[in-house]
N, C-alpha and C. Protein backbone atom coordinates (compact mmCIF):
# COMPACT_ATOMS: atom_id res chain seq x y z
N UNK A 1 0.81 -1.15 0.04
CA UNK A 1 -0.01 0.04 -0.08
C UNK A 1 0.94 1.28 0.08
N UNK A 2 0.44 2.30 -0.72
CA UNK A 2 1.11 3.59 -0.70
C UNK A 2 0.65 4.46 0.38
N UNK A 3 1.32 5.53 0.81
CA UNK A 3 0.93 6.26 1.83
C UNK A 3 -0.09 7.38 1.14
N UNK A 4 -1.16 7.55 1.83
CA UNK A 4 -2.27 8.41 1.41
C UNK A 4 -2.56 9.46 2.40
N UNK A 5 -2.16 9.23 3.77
CA UNK A 5 -2.59 10.24 4.74
C UNK A 5 -1.38 10.48 5.61
N UNK A 6 -1.53 11.53 6.43
CA UNK A 6 -0.41 11.97 7.25
C UNK A 6 -0.78 12.12 8.72
N UNK A 7 -0.20 11.53 9.58
CA UNK A 7 -0.45 11.59 11.11
C UNK A 7 0.56 12.28 11.77
N UNK A 8 0.35 13.51 12.40
CA UNK A 8 1.22 14.29 13.07
C UNK A 8 1.14 14.14 14.52
N UNK A 9 2.36 14.11 15.24
CA UNK A 9 2.37 14.44 16.58
C UNK A 9 2.17 15.84 16.81
N UNK A 10 1.94 16.39 17.96
CA UNK A 10 1.75 17.84 18.24
C UNK A 10 2.89 18.46 18.93
N UNK A 11 3.20 18.07 20.15
CA UNK A 11 4.29 18.65 20.88
C UNK A 11 5.57 18.51 20.30
N UNK A 12 6.29 19.69 20.02
CA UNK A 12 7.66 19.72 19.49
C UNK A 12 7.62 19.19 17.95
N UNK A 13 6.48 18.97 17.45
CA UNK A 13 6.37 18.82 16.05
C UNK A 13 5.55 19.82 15.34
N UNK A 14 4.47 20.30 15.99
CA UNK A 14 3.73 21.50 15.43
C UNK A 14 3.78 22.66 16.44
N UNK A 15 3.87 22.47 17.74
CA UNK A 15 3.95 23.53 18.60
C UNK A 15 5.18 23.23 19.57
N UNK A 16 5.93 24.27 19.89
CA UNK A 16 7.07 24.14 20.82
C UNK A 16 6.62 24.00 22.30
N UNK A 17 7.02 22.95 22.94
CA UNK A 17 6.66 22.83 24.33
C UNK A 17 7.83 22.43 25.15
N UNK A 18 8.02 23.12 26.20
CA UNK A 18 9.20 22.82 27.13
C UNK A 18 9.03 23.26 28.46
N UNK A 19 8.72 22.41 29.46
CA UNK A 19 8.35 22.91 30.90
C UNK A 19 9.43 23.85 31.44
N UNK A 20 10.76 23.58 31.01
CA UNK A 20 11.75 24.47 31.64
C UNK A 20 11.58 25.97 31.09
N UNK A 21 10.82 26.20 30.05
CA UNK A 21 10.58 27.58 29.65
C UNK A 21 9.78 28.27 30.70
N UNK A 22 8.98 27.65 31.29
CA UNK A 22 8.20 28.17 32.50
C UNK A 22 8.99 28.26 33.77
N UNK A 23 9.84 27.21 34.06
CA UNK A 23 10.47 27.03 35.33
C UNK A 23 11.58 27.81 35.40
N UNK A 24 12.12 28.30 34.34
CA UNK A 24 13.19 29.34 34.38
C UNK A 24 12.79 30.57 35.04
N UNK A 25 11.56 30.86 34.86
CA UNK A 25 11.00 31.99 35.62
C UNK A 25 10.70 31.79 36.96
N UNK A 26 10.45 30.67 37.49
CA UNK A 26 10.25 30.39 38.83
C UNK A 26 11.57 30.06 39.76
N UNK A 27 12.52 29.39 39.15
CA UNK A 27 13.71 29.18 39.83
C UNK A 27 14.87 29.77 39.23
N UNK A 28 15.52 30.88 39.96
CA UNK A 28 16.68 31.49 39.40
C UNK A 28 17.92 30.59 39.26
N UNK A 29 17.93 29.69 40.25
CA UNK A 29 19.13 28.66 40.23
C UNK A 29 18.76 27.50 39.28
N UNK A 30 19.69 27.46 38.26
CA UNK A 30 19.46 26.40 37.25
C UNK A 30 19.62 24.97 37.84
N UNK A 31 20.46 24.81 38.93
CA UNK A 31 20.57 23.46 39.52
C UNK A 31 19.28 23.03 40.25
N UNK A 32 18.72 24.03 41.00
CA UNK A 32 17.36 23.77 41.68
C UNK A 32 16.28 23.44 40.59
N UNK A 33 16.29 24.20 39.59
CA UNK A 33 15.26 24.02 38.60
C UNK A 33 15.46 22.65 38.03
N UNK A 34 16.57 22.25 37.62
CA UNK A 34 16.80 20.94 36.98
C UNK A 34 16.43 19.82 38.04
N UNK A 35 16.66 20.03 39.29
CA UNK A 35 16.52 19.02 40.26
C UNK A 35 14.90 18.98 40.25
N UNK A 36 14.23 20.02 40.34
CA UNK A 36 12.78 19.98 40.39
C UNK A 36 12.03 19.28 39.21
N UNK A 37 12.71 19.53 38.05
CA UNK A 37 12.07 18.93 36.91
C UNK A 37 12.61 17.45 36.71
N UNK A 38 13.55 17.07 37.48
CA UNK A 38 13.97 15.76 37.40
C UNK A 38 13.35 14.83 38.47
N UNK A 39 13.10 15.52 39.78
CA UNK A 39 12.75 14.72 40.89
C UNK A 39 11.32 15.00 41.39
N UNK A 40 10.81 16.14 41.01
CA UNK A 40 9.52 16.59 41.51
C UNK A 40 8.39 16.48 40.35
N UNK A 41 8.43 17.50 39.58
CA UNK A 41 7.56 17.52 38.40
C UNK A 41 8.22 17.01 37.16
N UNK A 42 8.59 15.67 37.15
CA UNK A 42 9.25 14.99 36.22
C UNK A 42 8.39 14.53 35.05
N UNK A 43 8.96 14.08 33.91
CA UNK A 43 8.21 13.64 32.88
C UNK A 43 7.48 12.38 33.24
N UNK A 44 8.00 11.52 34.10
CA UNK A 44 7.47 10.38 34.69
C UNK A 44 6.12 10.64 35.41
N UNK A 45 6.21 11.82 36.00
CA UNK A 45 4.90 12.37 36.85
C UNK A 45 4.07 12.85 35.81
N UNK A 46 4.47 13.58 34.92
CA UNK A 46 3.51 14.38 33.86
C UNK A 46 2.80 13.14 32.97
N UNK A 47 3.41 11.98 32.67
CA UNK A 47 2.78 11.11 31.91
C UNK A 47 1.41 10.78 32.42
N UNK A 48 1.12 10.85 33.80
CA UNK A 48 -0.12 10.55 34.34
C UNK A 48 -1.22 11.46 33.76
N UNK A 49 -0.85 12.73 33.45
CA UNK A 49 -1.79 13.71 32.94
C UNK A 49 -2.16 13.19 31.42
N UNK A 50 -1.14 12.71 30.80
CA UNK A 50 -1.37 12.13 29.40
C UNK A 50 -2.15 10.98 29.40
N UNK A 51 -2.22 10.30 30.59
CA UNK A 51 -3.03 9.12 30.63
C UNK A 51 -4.51 9.45 31.12
N UNK A 52 -4.79 10.45 31.50
CA UNK A 52 -6.01 11.03 31.78
C UNK A 52 -6.24 11.44 33.34
N UNK A 53 -5.26 11.50 34.17
CA UNK A 53 -5.38 11.91 35.53
C UNK A 53 -5.35 13.42 35.49
N UNK A 54 -6.19 14.02 36.22
CA UNK A 54 -6.38 15.52 36.21
C UNK A 54 -5.21 16.12 36.74
N UNK A 55 -4.90 17.29 36.34
CA UNK A 55 -3.73 17.96 36.97
C UNK A 55 -3.83 18.16 38.49
N UNK A 56 -5.09 18.63 38.90
CA UNK A 56 -5.40 18.73 40.33
C UNK A 56 -5.13 17.51 41.09
N UNK A 57 -5.72 16.49 40.63
CA UNK A 57 -5.51 15.28 41.42
C UNK A 57 -3.92 14.84 41.43
N UNK A 58 -3.30 14.96 40.28
CA UNK A 58 -1.93 14.46 40.24
C UNK A 58 -0.92 15.41 41.14
N UNK A 59 -1.32 16.60 41.28
CA UNK A 59 -0.62 17.52 42.17
C UNK A 59 -0.54 17.20 43.59
N UNK A 60 -1.83 16.62 44.06
CA UNK A 60 -1.88 16.52 45.52
C UNK A 60 -0.72 15.70 46.23
N UNK A 61 -0.36 14.54 45.63
CA UNK A 61 0.61 13.78 46.35
C UNK A 61 1.93 14.43 46.40
N UNK A 62 2.24 15.21 45.32
CA UNK A 62 3.56 15.86 45.31
C UNK A 62 3.52 17.04 46.32
N UNK A 63 2.48 17.75 46.46
CA UNK A 63 2.34 18.88 47.48
C UNK A 63 2.43 18.23 48.83
N UNK A 64 1.95 17.12 49.15
CA UNK A 64 2.07 16.44 50.48
C UNK A 64 3.49 16.11 50.62
N UNK A 65 4.29 15.63 49.49
CA UNK A 65 5.60 15.16 49.79
C UNK A 65 6.57 16.37 49.72
N UNK A 66 6.31 17.43 48.93
CA UNK A 66 7.10 18.61 48.87
C UNK A 66 6.34 19.80 49.13
N UNK A 67 5.95 20.09 50.33
CA UNK A 67 5.00 21.21 50.49
C UNK A 67 5.78 22.59 50.31
N UNK A 68 7.00 22.63 50.38
CA UNK A 68 7.76 23.86 50.06
C UNK A 68 7.69 24.16 48.67
N UNK A 69 7.45 23.24 47.71
CA UNK A 69 7.24 23.54 46.35
C UNK A 69 5.88 23.67 45.81
N UNK A 70 4.92 23.82 46.77
CA UNK A 70 3.51 23.87 46.51
C UNK A 70 3.27 24.82 45.18
N UNK A 71 3.62 25.98 45.34
CA UNK A 71 3.30 26.96 44.25
C UNK A 71 3.95 26.60 42.98
N UNK A 72 5.13 26.05 42.97
CA UNK A 72 5.82 25.61 41.84
C UNK A 72 5.09 24.33 41.11
N UNK A 73 4.58 23.45 41.97
CA UNK A 73 3.79 22.25 41.42
C UNK A 73 2.60 22.72 40.81
N UNK A 74 1.81 23.60 41.54
CA UNK A 74 0.56 24.13 41.01
C UNK A 74 0.81 25.00 39.71
N UNK A 75 1.95 25.42 39.57
CA UNK A 75 2.09 26.24 38.38
C UNK A 75 2.03 25.40 37.20
N UNK A 76 2.37 24.12 37.11
CA UNK A 76 2.38 23.16 36.03
C UNK A 76 1.05 23.33 35.31
N UNK A 77 -0.06 23.53 36.08
CA UNK A 77 -1.40 23.65 35.53
C UNK A 77 -1.75 25.13 35.27
N UNK A 78 -1.62 25.81 36.34
CA UNK A 78 -2.02 27.26 36.28
C UNK A 78 -1.31 28.10 35.18
N UNK A 79 0.00 27.75 35.10
CA UNK A 79 0.88 28.54 33.97
C UNK A 79 1.29 27.74 32.95
N UNK A 80 0.44 26.76 32.55
CA UNK A 80 0.65 25.67 31.45
C UNK A 80 1.00 26.45 30.22
N UNK A 81 0.45 27.50 29.89
CA UNK A 81 0.64 28.27 28.58
C UNK A 81 2.04 28.79 28.40
N UNK A 82 2.63 29.06 29.57
CA UNK A 82 3.90 29.59 29.59
C UNK A 82 5.01 28.53 29.20
N UNK A 83 4.61 27.29 29.11
CA UNK A 83 5.58 26.29 28.66
C UNK A 83 5.78 26.35 27.15
N UNK A 84 4.91 27.04 26.42
CA UNK A 84 4.93 27.05 24.89
C UNK A 84 5.60 28.15 24.38
N UNK A 85 6.09 28.16 23.06
CA UNK A 85 6.81 29.15 22.48
C UNK A 85 6.19 29.16 21.07
N UNK A 86 5.05 29.12 20.83
CA UNK A 86 4.41 29.29 19.56
C UNK A 86 4.53 27.95 18.58
N UNK A 87 4.24 28.07 17.34
CA UNK A 87 4.14 27.01 16.52
C UNK A 87 5.46 26.92 15.57
N UNK A 88 5.62 25.84 15.16
CA UNK A 88 6.84 25.64 14.28
C UNK A 88 6.39 25.91 12.80
N UNK A 89 7.00 26.98 12.32
CA UNK A 89 6.48 27.49 10.99
C UNK A 89 6.54 26.53 9.94
N UNK A 90 7.60 25.67 9.87
CA UNK A 90 7.75 24.65 8.69
C UNK A 90 6.69 23.61 8.80
N UNK A 91 6.20 23.25 10.09
CA UNK A 91 5.28 22.33 10.13
C UNK A 91 3.92 22.79 9.83
N UNK A 92 3.65 24.18 10.13
CA UNK A 92 2.42 24.81 9.77
C UNK A 92 2.32 24.91 8.16
N UNK A 93 3.34 25.28 7.61
CA UNK A 93 3.44 25.46 6.09
C UNK A 93 3.18 24.00 5.48
N UNK A 94 3.80 22.92 6.12
CA UNK A 94 3.45 21.60 5.56
C UNK A 94 2.00 21.12 5.56
N UNK A 95 1.29 21.40 6.81
CA UNK A 95 0.09 21.19 7.00
C UNK A 95 -0.80 21.93 5.94
N UNK A 96 -0.56 23.07 5.76
CA UNK A 96 -1.25 23.93 4.80
C UNK A 96 -1.05 23.36 3.44
N UNK A 97 0.06 22.94 2.98
CA UNK A 97 0.38 22.29 1.72
C UNK A 97 -0.28 21.10 1.46
N UNK A 98 -0.23 20.19 2.51
CA UNK A 98 -1.01 18.87 2.47
C UNK A 98 -2.50 19.16 2.31
N UNK A 99 -2.94 20.15 3.12
CA UNK A 99 -4.38 20.26 2.90
C UNK A 99 -4.82 20.81 1.60
N UNK A 100 -4.00 21.67 1.06
CA UNK A 100 -4.30 22.13 -0.25
C UNK A 100 -4.37 21.21 -1.34
N UNK A 101 -3.52 20.03 -1.09
CA UNK A 101 -3.45 18.80 -2.04
C UNK A 101 -4.54 17.86 -1.75
N UNK A 102 -5.25 18.10 -0.68
CA UNK A 102 -6.38 17.12 -0.21
C UNK A 102 -6.07 16.05 0.50
N UNK A 103 -4.74 16.00 0.93
CA UNK A 103 -4.18 14.79 1.71
C UNK A 103 -4.98 14.62 3.11
N UNK A 104 -5.52 13.61 3.44
CA UNK A 104 -6.11 13.45 4.74
C UNK A 104 -5.11 13.63 5.86
N UNK A 105 -5.50 14.45 6.76
CA UNK A 105 -4.56 14.80 7.84
C UNK A 105 -5.21 14.41 9.33
N UNK A 106 -4.39 13.79 10.14
CA UNK A 106 -4.79 13.34 11.40
C UNK A 106 -3.71 13.71 12.42
N UNK A 107 -3.99 13.69 13.67
CA UNK A 107 -2.96 13.81 14.64
C UNK A 107 -3.04 12.95 15.88
N UNK A 108 -2.00 12.55 16.34
CA UNK A 108 -1.84 11.62 17.52
C UNK A 108 -1.13 12.18 18.70
N UNK A 109 -1.50 12.56 19.78
CA UNK A 109 -0.75 13.29 20.76
C UNK A 109 -0.85 12.70 22.09
N UNK A 110 0.31 12.68 22.83
CA UNK A 110 0.21 12.38 24.27
C UNK A 110 0.01 13.88 24.81
N UNK A 111 -1.26 14.05 25.35
CA UNK A 111 -1.56 15.44 25.95
C UNK A 111 -2.75 15.09 26.96
N UNK A 112 -2.68 16.07 27.97
CA UNK A 112 -3.80 16.02 28.96
C UNK A 112 -5.10 16.61 28.26
N UNK A 113 -6.17 15.87 28.53
CA UNK A 113 -7.60 16.27 27.87
C UNK A 113 -7.82 17.76 28.38
N UNK A 114 -7.45 18.10 29.67
CA UNK A 114 -8.00 19.49 30.02
C UNK A 114 -7.19 20.62 29.43
N UNK A 115 -6.12 20.22 28.61
CA UNK A 115 -5.38 21.41 28.21
C UNK A 115 -5.32 21.23 26.57
N UNK A 116 -5.99 20.41 26.01
CA UNK A 116 -5.94 20.17 24.60
C UNK A 116 -6.45 21.31 23.81
N UNK A 117 -7.61 21.79 24.12
CA UNK A 117 -8.42 22.86 23.27
C UNK A 117 -7.59 24.06 23.33
N UNK A 118 -6.95 24.46 24.33
CA UNK A 118 -5.92 25.64 24.42
C UNK A 118 -4.86 25.51 23.35
N UNK A 119 -4.26 24.27 23.38
CA UNK A 119 -3.10 24.05 22.39
C UNK A 119 -3.66 24.12 20.90
N UNK A 120 -4.89 23.52 20.61
CA UNK A 120 -5.27 23.54 19.29
C UNK A 120 -5.82 24.85 18.78
N UNK A 121 -6.08 25.77 19.70
CA UNK A 121 -6.40 27.23 19.39
C UNK A 121 -5.12 28.06 19.03
N UNK A 122 -4.05 27.48 19.18
CA UNK A 122 -2.68 28.16 18.76
C UNK A 122 -2.51 28.60 17.29
N UNK A 123 -3.11 27.80 16.49
CA UNK A 123 -3.09 28.22 15.05
C UNK A 123 -4.29 27.52 14.29
N UNK A 124 -4.65 28.30 13.26
CA UNK A 124 -5.90 27.74 12.56
C UNK A 124 -5.63 26.42 11.81
N UNK A 125 -4.36 26.12 11.60
CA UNK A 125 -3.99 24.83 10.92
C UNK A 125 -4.60 23.73 11.57
N UNK A 126 -4.75 23.74 12.85
CA UNK A 126 -5.40 22.52 13.56
C UNK A 126 -6.77 22.18 13.06
N UNK A 127 -7.46 23.12 12.49
CA UNK A 127 -8.76 22.90 11.89
C UNK A 127 -8.78 22.05 10.62
N UNK A 128 -7.45 21.76 9.99
CA UNK A 128 -7.37 20.88 8.83
C UNK A 128 -7.46 19.43 9.29
N UNK A 129 -7.29 19.21 10.46
CA UNK A 129 -7.18 17.63 10.96
C UNK A 129 -8.62 17.10 10.93
N UNK A 130 -8.71 15.91 10.30
CA UNK A 130 -9.96 15.21 10.35
C UNK A 130 -10.31 14.55 11.76
N UNK A 131 -9.27 14.15 12.30
CA UNK A 131 -9.39 13.68 13.75
C UNK A 131 -8.14 13.88 14.44
N UNK A 132 -8.25 14.11 15.77
CA UNK A 132 -7.10 14.25 16.58
C UNK A 132 -7.28 13.24 17.75
N UNK A 133 -6.39 12.17 17.94
CA UNK A 133 -6.38 11.29 19.02
C UNK A 133 -5.72 11.92 20.10
N UNK A 134 -6.29 12.03 21.30
CA UNK A 134 -5.61 12.69 22.56
C UNK A 134 -5.40 11.52 23.53
N UNK A 135 -4.42 11.32 23.83
CA UNK A 135 -4.16 10.31 24.91
C UNK A 135 -4.85 10.36 26.11
N UNK A 136 -5.05 11.61 26.66
CA UNK A 136 -5.74 11.82 27.94
C UNK A 136 -7.25 11.42 27.86
N UNK A 137 -7.79 11.53 26.59
CA UNK A 137 -9.08 11.15 26.31
C UNK A 137 -9.29 9.61 26.27
N UNK A 138 -8.18 8.83 25.82
CA UNK A 138 -8.23 7.43 25.79
C UNK A 138 -7.62 6.58 26.88
N UNK A 139 -6.86 7.28 27.75
CA UNK A 139 -6.21 6.50 28.82
C UNK A 139 -5.16 5.59 28.37
N UNK A 140 -4.50 5.97 27.36
CA UNK A 140 -3.34 5.11 26.85
C UNK A 140 -2.51 6.10 26.01
N UNK A 141 -1.16 5.93 26.05
CA UNK A 141 -0.20 6.80 25.44
C UNK A 141 0.69 5.99 24.53
N UNK A 142 1.39 6.95 23.66
CA UNK A 142 2.50 6.28 22.95
C UNK A 142 3.60 6.16 23.68
N UNK A 143 4.38 5.08 23.63
CA UNK A 143 4.55 4.26 22.26
C UNK A 143 3.78 2.89 22.43
N UNK A 144 2.66 2.84 23.38
CA UNK A 144 2.10 1.53 23.35
C UNK A 144 1.20 1.26 22.10
N UNK A 145 1.24 0.01 21.69
CA UNK A 145 0.74 -0.32 20.45
C UNK A 145 -0.83 -0.05 20.43
N UNK A 146 -1.59 -0.12 21.52
CA UNK A 146 -2.98 0.03 21.53
C UNK A 146 -3.36 1.45 20.92
N UNK A 147 -2.77 2.38 21.27
CA UNK A 147 -3.09 3.74 20.88
C UNK A 147 -2.87 4.00 19.27
N UNK A 148 -1.91 3.17 18.80
CA UNK A 148 -1.73 3.21 17.25
C UNK A 148 -2.78 2.44 16.53
N UNK A 149 -3.27 1.33 17.16
CA UNK A 149 -4.31 0.65 16.52
C UNK A 149 -5.56 1.42 16.61
N UNK A 150 -5.83 2.10 17.73
CA UNK A 150 -7.06 2.97 18.00
C UNK A 150 -6.93 4.02 16.82
N UNK A 151 -5.93 4.53 16.77
CA UNK A 151 -5.66 5.69 15.68
C UNK A 151 -6.17 5.13 14.27
N UNK A 152 -5.73 4.02 13.92
CA UNK A 152 -5.95 3.60 12.56
C UNK A 152 -7.38 3.31 12.44
N UNK A 153 -8.10 2.82 13.47
CA UNK A 153 -9.40 2.68 13.36
C UNK A 153 -10.29 3.87 13.13
N UNK A 154 -9.86 4.99 13.89
CA UNK A 154 -10.43 6.29 13.85
C UNK A 154 -10.12 6.97 12.51
N UNK A 155 -9.01 6.57 11.89
CA UNK A 155 -8.58 7.35 10.56
C UNK A 155 -9.28 6.59 9.45
N UNK A 156 -9.47 5.25 9.69
CA UNK A 156 -10.12 4.43 8.72
C UNK A 156 -8.98 3.98 7.57
N UNK A 157 -7.84 4.07 8.00
CA UNK A 157 -6.69 3.66 7.23
C UNK A 157 -5.72 2.70 7.89
N UNK A 158 -4.91 1.79 7.07
CA UNK A 158 -3.92 0.88 7.56
C UNK A 158 -2.87 1.70 7.89
N UNK A 159 -1.96 1.05 8.81
CA UNK A 159 -0.64 1.74 9.10
C UNK A 159 0.12 2.04 7.96
N UNK A 160 0.17 1.10 6.81
CA UNK A 160 0.92 1.34 5.78
C UNK A 160 0.47 2.48 4.83
N UNK A 161 -0.68 3.01 5.20
CA UNK A 161 -1.24 4.05 4.33
C UNK A 161 -0.96 5.46 5.10
N UNK A 162 -0.44 5.50 6.15
CA UNK A 162 -0.14 6.61 7.03
C UNK A 162 1.29 6.90 7.11
N UNK A 163 1.67 8.14 6.93
CA UNK A 163 3.10 8.65 7.38
C UNK A 163 2.88 9.27 8.70
N UNK A 164 3.66 8.63 9.61
CA UNK A 164 3.63 9.21 11.05
C UNK A 164 4.84 9.97 11.37
N UNK A 165 4.55 11.28 11.84
CA UNK A 165 5.59 12.22 11.98
C UNK A 165 5.72 12.51 13.63
N UNK A 166 6.78 12.26 14.15
CA UNK A 166 6.88 12.41 15.54
C UNK A 166 8.33 12.78 15.96
N UNK A 167 8.66 13.51 17.11
CA UNK A 167 9.98 13.84 17.48
C UNK A 167 10.65 12.79 18.41
N UNK A 168 9.79 11.85 18.85
CA UNK A 168 10.36 10.81 19.67
C UNK A 168 10.82 9.56 19.02
N UNK A 169 12.02 9.23 19.26
CA UNK A 169 12.66 8.07 18.53
C UNK A 169 11.88 6.77 18.95
N UNK A 170 11.43 6.68 20.28
CA UNK A 170 10.71 5.47 20.87
C UNK A 170 9.32 5.40 20.08
N UNK A 171 8.74 6.58 19.93
CA UNK A 171 7.35 6.54 19.24
C UNK A 171 7.41 6.16 17.82
N UNK A 172 8.56 6.57 17.23
CA UNK A 172 8.83 6.34 15.74
C UNK A 172 9.05 4.79 15.61
N UNK A 173 9.92 4.18 16.45
CA UNK A 173 10.20 2.80 16.38
C UNK A 173 9.05 1.91 16.57
N UNK A 174 8.10 2.28 17.62
CA UNK A 174 6.85 1.47 17.79
C UNK A 174 5.96 1.62 16.58
N UNK A 175 5.87 2.78 15.98
CA UNK A 175 5.09 2.84 14.76
C UNK A 175 5.61 1.98 13.61
N UNK A 176 7.00 2.07 13.32
CA UNK A 176 7.56 1.23 12.41
C UNK A 176 7.33 -0.23 12.68
N UNK A 177 7.35 -0.74 13.87
CA UNK A 177 7.11 -2.11 14.06
C UNK A 177 5.70 -2.47 13.73
N UNK A 178 4.84 -1.53 13.62
CA UNK A 178 3.34 -1.75 13.33
C UNK A 178 3.19 -1.63 11.79
N UNK A 179 4.17 -1.19 11.06
CA UNK A 179 3.95 -0.99 9.80
C UNK A 179 3.82 0.37 9.03
N UNK A 180 3.77 1.39 10.02
CA UNK A 180 3.59 2.83 9.42
C UNK A 180 4.75 3.28 8.72
N UNK A 181 4.65 4.07 7.79
CA UNK A 181 5.86 4.87 7.18
C UNK A 181 5.96 5.94 8.24
N UNK A 182 7.25 6.39 8.43
CA UNK A 182 7.57 7.31 9.62
C UNK A 182 8.56 8.28 9.10
N UNK A 183 8.48 9.39 9.92
CA UNK A 183 9.53 10.58 9.70
C UNK A 183 9.85 11.05 11.21
N UNK A 184 11.15 10.84 11.57
CA UNK A 184 11.55 11.35 12.83
C UNK A 184 11.91 12.86 12.63
N UNK A 185 11.17 13.62 13.43
CA UNK A 185 11.10 15.08 13.32
C UNK A 185 12.20 15.51 14.14
N UNK A 186 13.31 15.98 13.53
CA UNK A 186 14.44 16.67 14.16
C UNK A 186 14.82 17.95 13.61
N UNK A 187 14.89 17.96 12.33
CA UNK A 187 15.14 19.28 11.53
C UNK A 187 13.88 19.77 10.90
N UNK A 188 13.11 20.80 11.34
CA UNK A 188 11.99 21.19 10.66
C UNK A 188 12.12 21.47 9.26
N UNK A 189 13.24 21.80 8.67
CA UNK A 189 13.55 22.15 7.32
C UNK A 189 13.40 20.76 6.60
N UNK A 190 13.55 19.71 7.12
CA UNK A 190 13.58 18.43 6.32
C UNK A 190 12.22 17.76 6.14
N UNK A 191 11.26 18.38 6.73
CA UNK A 191 9.95 17.90 6.57
C UNK A 191 9.37 17.92 5.24
N UNK A 192 9.38 19.07 4.56
CA UNK A 192 8.80 19.36 3.31
C UNK A 192 9.53 18.57 2.31
N UNK A 193 10.80 18.40 2.27
CA UNK A 193 11.43 17.59 1.31
C UNK A 193 10.94 15.99 1.35
N UNK A 194 10.86 15.54 2.59
CA UNK A 194 10.29 14.24 2.77
C UNK A 194 9.02 14.09 2.21
N UNK A 195 8.04 14.95 2.54
CA UNK A 195 6.66 14.92 2.02
C UNK A 195 6.77 14.96 0.47
N UNK A 196 7.54 15.70 -0.06
CA UNK A 196 7.79 15.82 -1.60
C UNK A 196 8.19 14.49 -2.15
N UNK A 197 9.12 13.83 -1.48
CA UNK A 197 9.75 12.58 -1.92
C UNK A 197 8.69 11.42 -2.09
N UNK A 198 7.63 11.68 -1.12
CA UNK A 198 6.56 10.70 -1.07
C UNK A 198 5.46 11.06 -1.98
N UNK A 199 5.46 12.22 -2.67
CA UNK A 199 4.64 12.52 -3.62
C UNK A 199 3.29 13.23 -3.05
N UNK A 200 3.39 13.65 -1.76
CA UNK A 200 2.37 14.22 -1.01
C UNK A 200 2.22 15.75 -1.16
N UNK A 201 3.39 16.45 -1.41
CA UNK A 201 3.07 17.84 -1.79
C UNK A 201 3.84 18.16 -3.03
């Protein structure tokens, strides 16, 4: 089968997201900031949001354990928007070009349900997606195979018919194992040439 549709990740493929962007405003000491993001509000802790646990519920055990960091922990939700630095221009241009060609567009993102609408409001290009699978809605996350299978059912396409674009090597390897065509998003300028090579733009 040939590729007929494109499946985008969102964070750091379409929008720039980095928790340290917020926490450099909260912690003047880079060592303390790094320790906080490694040991307190870590990515291992954040994945629970991606699995559907609310930010309020997920914060409570941390606040009990680290009461002196209460305000910094609550900032993860209260100041969520400050973790973002806009959209990646090359990706927006690619989405617009694909849409102009009538290529079916979809997205698969590890993202908290409660924050998704705000992210999708960051650019009109999100309106071009026929469906967006949000991990927080489904209770499963990449790179587990179940969410890829669910996405294919929602898209109505086989893995071989989809180009999956993600910045995570683990997510890309999982998709490859299931038969997806893939593009590891590292250099934004490399995306459009890859789409052109596939005859999609």
